[in-house]
Amino acid sequence: MANQLAANPWLIDTKSDTPVYLGTMHNCQVEYVDYTAETNIAEVQDRDGRVVAVLNGASDLRTVRTGRIGWIYGLRVPLNTSLAVANMPSGRLIIYFE
């Protein structure tokens, strides 16, 4: 599958060290869904590589979400987290914004 950026919310299932989006987003909320193990982790960074959100899998594999983050300056879902762990080994991110 490929990222869906045509409408709000965005569906992100592809990781890359290249930013998905370079602009500014307001009142973002990120959800981590469809992951397969409670040890899965998804890290979202801004365009400059600063960590914006870390979502850890839950023992009952339920959706985990950030709540409203505020302003995000670009969006990147890197191949590895800032701790050099495989980022988002399964599942996808749903990103809501205004």
PDB file of N, CA and C in Angstrom:
ATOM      1  N   MET A   1       0.839  -1.179   0.000  1.00  0.00           N
ATOM      2  CA  MET A   1       0.000   0.000   0.000  1.00  0.00           C
ATOM      3  C   MET A   1       0.882   1.240   0.000  1.00  0.00           C
ATOM      4  N   ALA A   2       0.313   2.366  -0.332  1.00  0.00           N
ATOM      5  CA  ALA A   2       1.066   3.613  -0.362  1.00  0.00           C
ATOM      6  C   ALA A   2       0.388   4.627   0.549  1.00  0.00           C
ATOM      7  N   ASN A   3       1.147   5.644   0.920  1.00  0.00           N
ATOM      8  CA  ASN A   3       0.580   6.707   1.740  1.00  0.00           C
ATOM      9  C   ASN A   3      -0.587   7.362   1.005  1.00  0.00           C
ATOM     10  N   GLN A   4      -1.602   7.760   1.754  1.00  0.00           N
ATOM     11  CA  GLN A   4      -2.754   8.463   1.211  1.00  0.00           C
ATOM     12  C   GLN A   4      -2.739   9.862   1.787  1.00  0.00           C
ATOM     13  N   LEU A   5      -2.404  10.840   0.950  1.00  0.00           N
ATOM     14  CA  LEU A   5      -2.306  12.225   1.405  1.00  0.00           C
ATOM     15  C   LEU A   5      -3.316  13.121   0.703  1.00  0.00           C
ATOM     16  N   ALA A   6      -4.299  12.537   0.037  1.00  0.00           N
ATOM     17  CA  ALA A   6      -5.249  13.317  -0.755  1.00  0.00           C
ATOM     18  C   ALA A   6      -6.311  14.012   0.093  1.00  0.00           C
ATOM     19  N   ALA A   7      -6.618  13.467   1.268  1.00  0.00           N
ATOM     20  CA  ALA A   7      -7.677  14.037   2.090  1.00  0.00           C
ATOM     21  C   ALA A   7      -7.321  13.880   3.566  1.00  0.00           C
ATOM     22  N   ASN A   8      -7.915  14.706   4.383  1.00  0.00           N
ATOM     23  CA  ASN A   8      -7.736  14.656   5.830  1.00  0.00           C
ATOM     24  C   ASN A   8      -8.724  13.623   6.383  1.00  0.00           C
ATOM     25  N   PRO A   9      -8.284  12.620   7.125  1.00  0.00           N
ATOM     26  CA  PRO A   9      -6.942  12.398   7.650  1.00  0.00           C
ATOM     27  C   PRO A   9      -6.035  11.680   6.647  1.00  0.00           C
ATOM     28  N   TRP A  10      -4.736  11.864   6.859  1.00  0.00           N
ATOM     29  CA  TRP A  10      -3.746  11.167   6.052  1.00  0.00           C
ATOM     30  C   TRP A  10      -3.542   9.766   6.614  1.00  0.00           C
ATOM     31  N   LEU A  11      -3.287   8.803   5.734  1.00  0.00           N
ATOM     32  CA  LEU A  11      -2.942   7.441   6.134  1.00  0.00           C
ATOM     33  C   LEU A  11      -1.502   7.198   5.716  1.00  0.00           C
ATOM     34  N   ILE A  12      -0.648   6.928   6.693  1.00  0.00           N
ATOM     35  CA  ILE A  12       0.777   6.735   6.429  1.00  0.00           C
ATOM     36  C   ILE A  12       1.134   5.291   6.763  1.00  0.00           C
ATOM     37  N   ASP A  13       1.612   4.564   5.779  1.00  0.00           N
ATOM     38  CA  ASP A  13       2.066   3.195   6.040  1.00  0.00           C
ATOM     39  C   ASP A  13       3.438   2.922   5.446  1.00  0.00           C
ATOM     40  N   THR A  14       4.053   3.941   4.875  1.00  0.00           N
ATOM     41  CA  THR A  14       5.374   3.814   4.276  1.00  0.00           C
ATOM     42  C   THR A  14       6.354   4.678   5.052  1.00  0.00           C
ATOM     43  N   LYS A  15       7.481   4.098   5.416  1.00  0.00           N
ATOM     44  CA  LYS A  15       8.501   4.838   6.156  1.00  0.00           C
ATOM     45  C   LYS A  15       9.579   5.315   5.188  1.00  0.00           C
ATOM     46  N   SER A  16      10.178   6.454   5.512  1.00  0.00           N
ATOM     47  CA  SER A  16      11.260   6.989   4.699  1.00  0.00           C
ATOM     48  C   SER A  16      11.984   8.054   5.506  1.00  0.00           C
ATOM     49  N   ASP A  17      13.268   8.200   5.262  1.00  0.00           N
ATOM     50  CA  ASP A  17      14.004   9.258   5.929  1.00  0.00           C
ATOM     51  C   ASP A  17      13.812  10.597   5.226  1.00  0.00           C
ATOM     52  N   THR A  18      13.062  10.595   4.132  1.00  0.00           N
ATOM     53  CA  THR A  18      12.690  11.815   3.435  1.00  0.00           C
ATOM     54  C   THR A  18      11.347  12.280   3.996  1.00  0.00           C
ATOM     55  N   PRO A  19      11.189  13.573   4.272  1.00  0.00           N
ATOM     56  CA  PRO A  19       9.915  14.056   4.803  1.00  0.00           C
ATOM     57  C   PRO A  19       8.734  13.744   3.884  1.00  0.00           C
ATOM     58  N   VAL A  20       7.616  13.399   4.498  1.00  0.00           N
ATOM     59  CA  VAL A  20       6.371  13.168   3.779  1.00  0.00           C
ATOM     60  C   VAL A  20       5.779  14.510   3.369  1.00  0.00           C
ATOM     61  N   TYR A  21       5.971  15.515   4.237  1.00  0.00           N
ATOM     62  CA  TYR A  21       5.381  16.829   4.042  1.00  0.00           C
ATOM     63  C   TYR A  21       6.331  17.870   4.617  1.00  0.00           C
ATOM     64  N   LEU A  22       6.521  18.981   3.905  1.00  0.00           N
ATOM     65  CA  LEU A  22       7.453  20.017   4.358  1.00  0.00           C
ATOM     66  C   LEU A  22       6.756  21.235   4.949  1.00  0.00           C
ATOM     67  N   GLY A  23       5.467  21.371   4.758  1.00  0.00           N
ATOM     68  CA  GLY A  23       4.733  22.533   5.242  1.00  0.00           C
ATOM     69  C   GLY A  23       4.457  22.480   6.734  1.00  0.00           C
ATOM     70  N   THR A  24       3.587  23.377   7.185  1.00  0.00           N
ATOM     71  CA  THR A  24       3.226  23.480   8.592  1.00  0.00           C
ATOM     72  C   THR A  24       1.799  22.976   8.780  1.00  0.00           C
ATOM     73  N   MET A  25       1.600  22.183   9.832  1.00  0.00           N
ATOM     74  CA  MET A  25       0.279  21.622  10.124  1.00  0.00           C
ATOM     75  C   MET A  25      -0.153  22.075  11.515  1.00  0.00           C
ATOM     76  N   HIS A  26      -1.432  22.362  11.679  1.00  0.00           N
ATOM     77  CA  HIS A  26      -1.967  22.872  12.937  1.00  0.00           C
ATOM     78  C   HIS A  26      -2.890  21.846  13.582  1.00  0.00           C
ATOM     79  N   ASN A  27      -2.828  21.767  14.911  1.00  0.00           N
ATOM     80  CA  ASN A  27      -3.694  20.887  15.703  1.00  0.00           C
ATOM     81  C   ASN A  27      -3.701  19.452  15.200  1.00  0.00           C
ATOM     82  N   CYS A  28      -2.540  18.880  15.113  1.00  0.00           N
ATOM     83  CA  CYS A  28      -2.404  17.502  14.647  1.00  0.00           C
ATOM     84  C   CYS A  28      -2.745  16.518  15.754  1.00  0.00           C
ATOM     85  N   GLN A  29      -3.260  15.387  15.344  1.00  0.00           N
ATOM     86  CA  GLN A  29      -3.432  14.234  16.221  1.00  0.00           C
ATOM     87  C   GLN A  29      -2.985  13.022  15.430  1.00  0.00           C
ATOM     88  N   VAL A  30      -2.207  12.143  16.061  1.00  0.00           N
ATOM     89  CA  VAL A  30      -1.680  10.963  15.393  1.00  0.00           C
ATOM     90  C   VAL A  30      -2.227   9.719  16.089  1.00  0.00           C
ATOM     91  N   GLU A  31      -2.676   8.755  15.287  1.00  0.00           N
ATOM     92  CA  GLU A  31      -3.138   7.469  15.804  1.00  0.00           C
ATOM     93  C   GLU A  31      -2.298   6.363  15.175  1.00  0.00           C
ATOM     94  N   TYR A  32      -1.978   5.345  15.973  1.00  0.00           N
ATOM     95  CA  TYR A  32      -1.251   4.174  15.492  1.00  0.00           C
ATOM     96  C   TYR A  32      -2.236   3.011  15.508  1.00  0.00           C
ATOM     97  N   VAL A  33      -2.516   2.437  14.339  1.00  0.00           N
ATOM     98  CA  VAL A  33      -3.541   1.402  14.211  1.00  0.00           C
ATOM     99  C   VAL A  33      -3.007   0.203  13.433  1.00  0.00           C
ATOM    100  N   ASP A  34      -3.686  -0.913  13.566  1.00  0.00           N
ATOM    101  CA  ASP A  34      -3.421  -2.134  12.800  1.00  0.00           C
ATOM    102  C   ASP A  34      -2.027  -2.731  13.027  1.00  0.00           C
ATOM    103  N   TYR A  35      -1.397  -2.423  14.140  1.00  0.00           N
ATOM    104  CA  TYR A  35      -0.101  -3.043  14.442  1.00  0.00           C
ATOM    105  C   TYR A  35      -0.341  -4.439  14.998  1.00  0.00           C
ATOM    106  N   THR A  36       0.695  -5.288  14.954  1.00  0.00           N
ATOM    107  CA  THR A  36       0.492  -6.705  15.266  1.00  0.00           C
ATOM    108  C   THR A  36       1.145  -7.177  16.562  1.00  0.00           C
ATOM    109  N   ALA A  37       1.922  -6.327  17.210  1.00  0.00           N
ATOM    110  CA  ALA A  37       2.583  -6.741  18.459  1.00  0.00           C
ATOM    111  C   ALA A  37       2.631  -5.573  19.433  1.00  0.00           C
ATOM    112  N   GLU A  38       2.462  -5.874  20.707  1.00  0.00           N
ATOM    113  CA  GLU A  38       2.474  -4.807  21.718  1.00  0.00           C
ATOM    114  C   GLU A  38       3.830  -4.136  21.836  1.00  0.00           C
ATOM    115  N   THR A  39       4.877  -4.751  21.304  1.00  0.00           N
ATOM    116  CA  THR A  39       6.221  -4.149  21.359  1.00  0.00           C
ATOM    117  C   THR A  39       6.477  -3.206  20.193  1.00  0.00           C
ATOM    118  N   ASN A  40       5.544  -3.101  19.252  1.00  0.00           N
ATOM    119  CA  ASN A  40       5.721  -2.192  18.122  1.00  0.00           C
ATOM    120  C   ASN A  40       5.714  -0.749  18.607  1.00  0.00           C
ATOM    121  N   ILE A  41       6.473   0.066  17.911  1.00  0.00           N
ATOM    122  CA  ILE A  41       6.572   1.477  18.240  1.00  0.00           C
ATOM    123  C   ILE A  41       6.532   2.278  16.952  1.00  0.00           C
ATOM    124  N   ALA A  42       5.897   3.435  17.003  1.00  0.00           N
ATOM    125  CA  ALA A  42       5.866   4.346  15.861  1.00  0.00           C
ATOM    126  C   ALA A  42       6.335   5.712  16.341  1.00  0.00           C
ATOM    127  N   GLU A  43       7.324   6.245  15.669  1.00  0.00           N
ATOM    128  CA  GLU A  43       7.852   7.563  16.014  1.00  0.00           C
ATOM    129  C   GLU A  43       7.617   8.502  14.836  1.00  0.00           C
ATOM    130  N   VAL A  44       7.097   9.678  15.130  1.00  0.00           N
ATOM    131  CA  VAL A  44       6.860  10.714  14.133  1.00  0.00           C
ATOM    132  C   VAL A  44       7.800  11.869  14.441  1.00  0.00           C
ATOM    133  N   GLN A  45       8.430  12.388  13.411  1.00  0.00           N
ATOM    134  CA  GLN A  45       9.361  13.505  13.564  1.00  0.00           C
ATOM    135  C   GLN A  45       8.913  14.672  12.693  1.00  0.00           C
ATOM    136  N   ASP A  46       9.417  15.867  13.018  1.00  0.00           N
ATOM    137  CA  ASP A  46       9.149  17.000  12.137  1.00  0.00           C
ATOM    138  C   ASP A  46      10.147  16.950  10.977  1.00  0.00           C
ATOM    139  N   ARG A  47      10.086  17.916  10.094  1.00  0.00           N
ATOM    140  CA  ARG A  47      10.934  17.884   8.899  1.00  0.00           C
ATOM    141  C   ARG A  47      12.420  17.948   9.207  1.00  0.00           C
ATOM    142  N   ASP A  48      12.783  18.430  10.393  1.00  0.00           N
ATOM    143  CA  ASP A  48      14.181  18.545  10.783  1.00  0.00           C
ATOM    144  C   ASP A  48      14.664  17.374  11.630  1.00  0.00           C
ATOM    145  N   GLY A  49      13.822  16.362  11.818  1.00  0.00           N
ATOM    146  CA  GLY A  49      14.214  15.184  12.575  1.00  0.00           C
ATOM    147  C   GLY A  49      13.978  15.264  14.069  1.00  0.00           C
ATOM    148  N   ARG A  50      13.277  16.295  14.538  1.00  0.00           N
ATOM    149  CA  ARG A  50      12.934  16.387  15.963  1.00  0.00           C
ATOM    150  C   ARG A  50      11.714  15.512  16.248  1.00  0.00           C
ATOM    151  N   VAL A  51      11.773  14.763  17.326  1.00  0.00           N
ATOM    152  CA  VAL A  51      10.679  13.852  17.679  1.00  0.00           C
ATOM    153  C   VAL A  51       9.446  14.658  18.078  1.00  0.00           C
ATOM    154  N   VAL A  52       8.329  14.339  17.444  1.00  0.00           N
ATOM    155  CA  VAL A  52       7.058  15.000  17.708  1.00  0.00           C
ATOM    156  C   VAL A  52       6.148  14.087  18.522  1.00  0.00           C
ATOM    157  N   ALA A  53       6.162  12.791  18.196  1.00  0.00           N
ATOM    158  CA  ALA A  53       5.296  11.838  18.886  1.00  0.00           C
ATOM    159  C   ALA A  53       5.917  10.454  18.855  1.00  0.00           C
ATOM    160  N   VAL A  54       5.738   9.730  19.963  1.00  0.00           N
ATOM    161  CA  VAL A  54       6.131   8.328  20.047  1.00  0.00           C
ATOM    162  C   VAL A  54       4.903   7.570  20.521  1.00  0.00           C
ATOM    163  N   LEU A  55       4.493   6.594  19.732  1.00  0.00           N
ATOM    164  CA  LEU A  55       3.313   5.804  20.065  1.00  0.00           C
ATOM    165  C   LEU A  55       3.754   4.368  20.273  1.00  0.00           C
ATOM    166  N   ASN A  56       3.549   3.870  21.487  1.00  0.00           N
ATOM    167  CA  ASN A  56       3.914   2.495  21.834  1.00  0.00           C
ATOM    168  C   ASN A  56       2.690   1.598  21.726  1.00  0.00           C
ATOM    169  N   GLY A  57       2.888   0.402  21.168  1.00  0.00           N
ATOM    170  CA  GLY A  57       1.809  -0.567  21.064  1.00  0.00           C
ATOM    171  C   GLY A  57       1.236  -0.910  22.429  1.00  0.00           C
ATOM    172  N   ALA A  58      -0.018  -1.295  22.459  1.00  0.00           N
ATOM    173  CA  ALA A  58      -0.706  -1.647  23.704  1.00  0.00           C
ATOM    174  C   ALA A  58      -0.892  -3.155  23.781  1.00  0.00           C
ATOM    175  N   SER A  59      -0.995  -3.682  24.990  1.00  0.00           N
ATOM    176  CA  SER A  59      -1.105  -5.127  25.184  1.00  0.00           C
ATOM    177  C   SER A  59      -2.367  -5.714  24.548  1.00  0.00           C
ATOM    178  N   ASP A  60      -3.417  -4.906  24.393  1.00  0.00           N
ATOM    179  CA  ASP A  60      -4.636  -5.411  23.759  1.00  0.00           C
ATOM    180  C   ASP A  60      -4.736  -4.991  22.291  1.00  0.00           C
ATOM    181  N   LEU A  61      -3.637  -4.473  21.741  1.00  0.00           N
ATOM    182  CA  LEU A  61      -3.530  -4.060  20.340  1.00  0.00           C
ATOM    183  C   LEU A  61      -4.572  -3.020  19.936  1.00  0.00           C
ATOM    184  N   ARG A  62      -5.009  -2.225  20.891  1.00  0.00           N
ATOM    185  CA  ARG A  62      -5.985  -1.181  20.593  1.00  0.00           C
ATOM    186  C   ARG A  62      -5.290   0.016  19.938  1.00  0.00           C
ATOM    187  N   THR A  63      -6.068   0.900  19.374  1.00  0.00           N
ATOM    188  CA  THR A  63      -5.544   2.123  18.777  1.00  0.00           C
ATOM    189  C   THR A  63      -4.922   2.986  19.867  1.00  0.00           C
ATOM    190  N   VAL A  64      -3.722   3.488  19.606  1.00  0.00           N
ATOM    191  CA  VAL A  64      -3.101   4.440  20.528  1.00  0.00           C
ATOM    192  C   VAL A  64      -3.034   5.781  19.813  1.00  0.00           C
ATOM    193  N   ARG A  65      -3.258   6.850  20.576  1.00  0.00           N
ATOM    194  CA  ARG A  65      -3.296   8.181  19.954  1.00  0.00           C
ATOM    195  C   ARG A  65      -2.607   9.207  20.836  1.00  0.00           C
ATOM    196  N   THR A  66      -2.247  10.308  20.213  1.00  0.00           N
ATOM    197  CA  THR A  66      -1.514  11.353  20.917  1.00  0.00           C
ATOM    198  C   THR A  66      -2.407  12.372  21.582  1.00  0.00           C
ATOM    199  N   GLY A  67      -3.584  12.616  21.072  1.00  0.00           N
ATOM    200  CA  GLY A  67      -4.320  13.812  21.448  1.00  0.00           C
ATOM    201  C   GLY A  67      -3.774  14.945  20.590  1.00  0.00           C
ATOM    202  N   ARG A  68      -4.277  16.138  20.759  1.00  0.00           N
ATOM    203  CA  ARG A  68      -3.823  17.249  19.923  1.00  0.00           C
ATOM    204  C   ARG A  68      -2.402  17.648  20.274  1.00  0.00           C
ATOM    205  N   ILE A  69      -1.587  17.756  19.256  1.00  0.00           N
ATOM    206  CA  ILE A  69      -0.181  18.104  19.449  1.00  0.00           C
ATOM    207  C   ILE A  69       0.045  19.603  19.336  1.00  0.00           C
ATOM    208  N   GLY A  70      -0.660  20.267  18.447  1.00  0.00           N
ATOM    209  CA  GLY A  70      -0.413  21.680  18.174  1.00  0.00           C
ATOM    210  C   GLY A  70       0.230  21.820  16.809  1.00  0.00           C
ATOM    211  N   TRP A  71       1.199  22.710  16.690  1.00  0.00           N
ATOM    212  CA  TRP A  71       1.865  22.940  15.414  1.00  0.00           C
ATOM    213  C   TRP A  71       2.951  21.898  15.174  1.00  0.00           C
ATOM    214  N   ILE A  72       2.987  21.386  13.930  1.00  0.00           N
ATOM    215  CA  ILE A  72       4.076  20.500  13.504  1.00  0.00           C
ATOM    216  C   ILE A  72       4.666  21.113  12.243  1.00  0.00           C
ATOM    217  N   TYR A  73       5.970  21.242  12.222  1.00  0.00           N
ATOM    218  CA  TYR A  73       6.673  21.852  11.103  1.00  0.00           C
ATOM    219  C   TYR A  73       7.240  20.772  10.200  1.00  0.00           C
ATOM    220  N   GLY A  74       6.382  20.283   9.303  1.00  0.00           N
ATOM    221  CA  GLY A  74       6.756  19.188   8.423  1.00  0.00           C
ATOM    222  C   GLY A  74       6.464  17.856   9.089  1.00  0.00           C
ATOM    223  N   LEU A  75       6.576  16.778   8.321  1.00  0.00           N
ATOM    224  CA  LEU A  75       6.245  15.460   8.846  1.00  0.00           C
ATOM    225  C   LEU A  75       7.158  14.414   8.227  1.00  0.00           C
ATOM    226  N   ARG A  76       7.690  13.571   9.086  1.00  0.00           N
ATOM    227  CA  ARG A  76       8.578  12.503   8.636  1.00  0.00           C
ATOM    228  C   ARG A  76       8.325  11.267   9.487  1.00  0.00           C
ATOM    229  N   VAL A  77       8.288  10.103   8.859  1.00  0.00           N
ATOM    230  CA  VAL A  77       8.184   8.823   9.548  1.00  0.00           C
ATOM    231  C   VAL A  77       9.423   8.035   9.128  1.00  0.00           C
ATOM    232  N   PRO A  78      10.493   8.133   9.927  1.00  0.00           N
ATOM    233  CA  PRO A  78      11.780   7.566   9.516  1.00  0.00           C
ATOM    234  C   PRO A  78      11.811   6.032   9.566  1.00  0.00           C
ATOM    235  N   LEU A  79      12.818   5.472   8.924  1.00  0.00           N
ATOM    236  CA  LEU A  79      13.001   4.019   8.929  1.00  0.00           C
ATOM    237  C   LEU A  79      13.294   3.493  10.318  1.00  0.00           C
ATOM    238  N   ASN A  80      14.089   4.243  11.094  1.00  0.00           N
ATOM    239  CA  ASN A  80      14.433   3.866  12.473  1.00  0.00           C
ATOM    240  C   ASN A  80      14.088   5.010  13.406  1.00  0.00           C
ATOM    241  N   THR A  81      13.754   4.681  14.653  1.00  0.00           N
ATOM    242  CA  THR A  81      13.469   5.708  15.647  1.00  0.00           C
ATOM    243  C   THR A  81      14.761   6.413  16.035  1.00  0.00           C
ATOM    244  N   SER A  82      14.633   7.439  16.844  1.00  0.00           N
ATOM    245  CA  SER A  82      15.818   8.168  17.317  1.00  0.00           C
ATOM    246  C   SER A  82      16.683   7.298  18.229  1.00  0.00           C
ATOM    247  N   LEU A  83      16.148   6.169  18.685  1.00  0.00           N
ATOM    248  CA  LEU A  83      16.913   5.224  19.510  1.00  0.00           C
ATOM    249  C   LEU A  83      17.431   4.048  18.688  1.00  0.00           C
ATOM    250  N   ALA A  84      17.419   4.176  17.354  1.00  0.00           N
ATOM    251  CA  ALA A  84      17.937   3.176  16.421  1.00  0.00           C
ATOM    252  C   ALA A  84      17.193   1.848  16.474  1.00  0.00           C
ATOM    253  N   VAL A  85      15.897   1.915  16.729  1.00  0.00           N
ATOM    254  CA  VAL A  85      15.023   0.737  16.718  1.00  0.00           C
ATOM    255  C   VAL A  85      14.171   0.830  15.452  1.00  0.00           C
ATOM    256  N   ALA A  86      13.831  -0.311  14.858  1.00  0.00           N
ATOM    257  CA  ALA A  86      12.975  -0.296  13.666  1.00  0.00           C
ATOM    258  C   ALA A  86      11.678   0.448  13.962  1.00  0.00           C
ATOM    259  N   ASN A  87      11.373   1.426  13.157  1.00  0.00           N
ATOM    260  CA  ASN A  87      10.177   2.239  13.355  1.00  0.00           C
ATOM    261  C   ASN A  87       8.985   1.619  12.642  1.00  0.00           C
ATOM    262  N   MET A  88       7.867   1.549  13.315  1.00  0.00           N
ATOM    263  CA  MET A  88       6.599   1.093  12.768  1.00  0.00           C
ATOM    264  C   MET A  88       6.753  -0.201  11.962  1.00  0.00           C
ATOM    265  N   PRO A  89       7.158  -1.300  12.627  1.00  0.00           N
ATOM    266  CA  PRO A  89       7.344  -2.558  11.904  1.00  0.00           C
ATOM    267  C   PRO A  89       6.054  -3.122  11.314  1.00  0.00           C
ATOM    268  N   SER A  90       4.923  -2.726  11.839  1.00  0.00           N
ATOM    269  CA  SER A  90       3.627  -3.107  11.265  1.00  0.00           C
ATOM    270  C   SER A  90       2.644  -1.985  11.561  1.00  0.00           C
ATOM    271  N   GLY A  91       1.500  -2.049  10.931  1.00  0.00           N
ATOM    272  CA  GLY A  91       0.467  -1.049  11.174  1.00  0.00           C
ATOM    273  C   GLY A  91       0.639   0.178  10.314  1.00  0.00           C
ATOM    274  N   ARG A  92      -0.141   1.190  10.667  1.00  0.00           N
ATOM    275  CA  ARG A  92      -0.081   2.450   9.938  1.00  0.00           C
ATOM    276  C   ARG A  92      -0.471   3.592  10.855  1.00  0.00           C
ATOM    277  N   LEU A  93      -0.193   4.798  10.411  1.00  0.00           N
ATOM    278  CA  LEU A  93      -0.529   5.999  11.156  1.00  0.00           C
ATOM    279  C   LEU A  93      -1.690   6.705  10.478  1.00  0.00           C
ATOM    280  N   ILE A  94      -2.572   7.241  11.293  1.00  0.00           N
ATOM    281  CA  ILE A  94      -3.632   8.108  10.800  1.00  0.00           C
ATOM    282  C   ILE A  94      -3.353   9.479  11.380  1.00  0.00           C
ATOM    283  N   ILE A  95      -3.226  10.471  10.515  1.00  0.00           N
ATOM    284  CA  ILE A  95      -2.844  11.812  10.963  1.00  0.00           C
ATOM    285  C   ILE A  95      -3.966  12.776  10.619  1.00  0.00           C
ATOM    286  N   TYR A  96      -4.564  13.354  11.677  1.00  0.00           N
ATOM    287  CA  TYR A  96      -5.612  14.345  11.540  1.00  0.00           C
ATOM    288  C   TYR A  96      -4.989  15.717  11.745  1.00  0.00           C
ATOM    289  N   PHE A  97      -5.479  16.722  11.039  1.00  0.00           N
ATOM    290  CA  PHE A  97      -4.958  18.077  11.206  1.00  0.00           C
ATOM    291  C   PHE A  97      -6.009  19.073  10.752  1.00  0.00           C
ATOM    292  N   GLU A  98      -5.804  20.323  11.146  1.00  0.00           N
ATOM    293  CA  GLU A  98      -6.726  21.397  10.716  1.00  0.00           C
ATOM    294  C   GLU A  98      -6.063  22.216   9.640  1.00  0.00           C
TER     295      GLU A  98
END
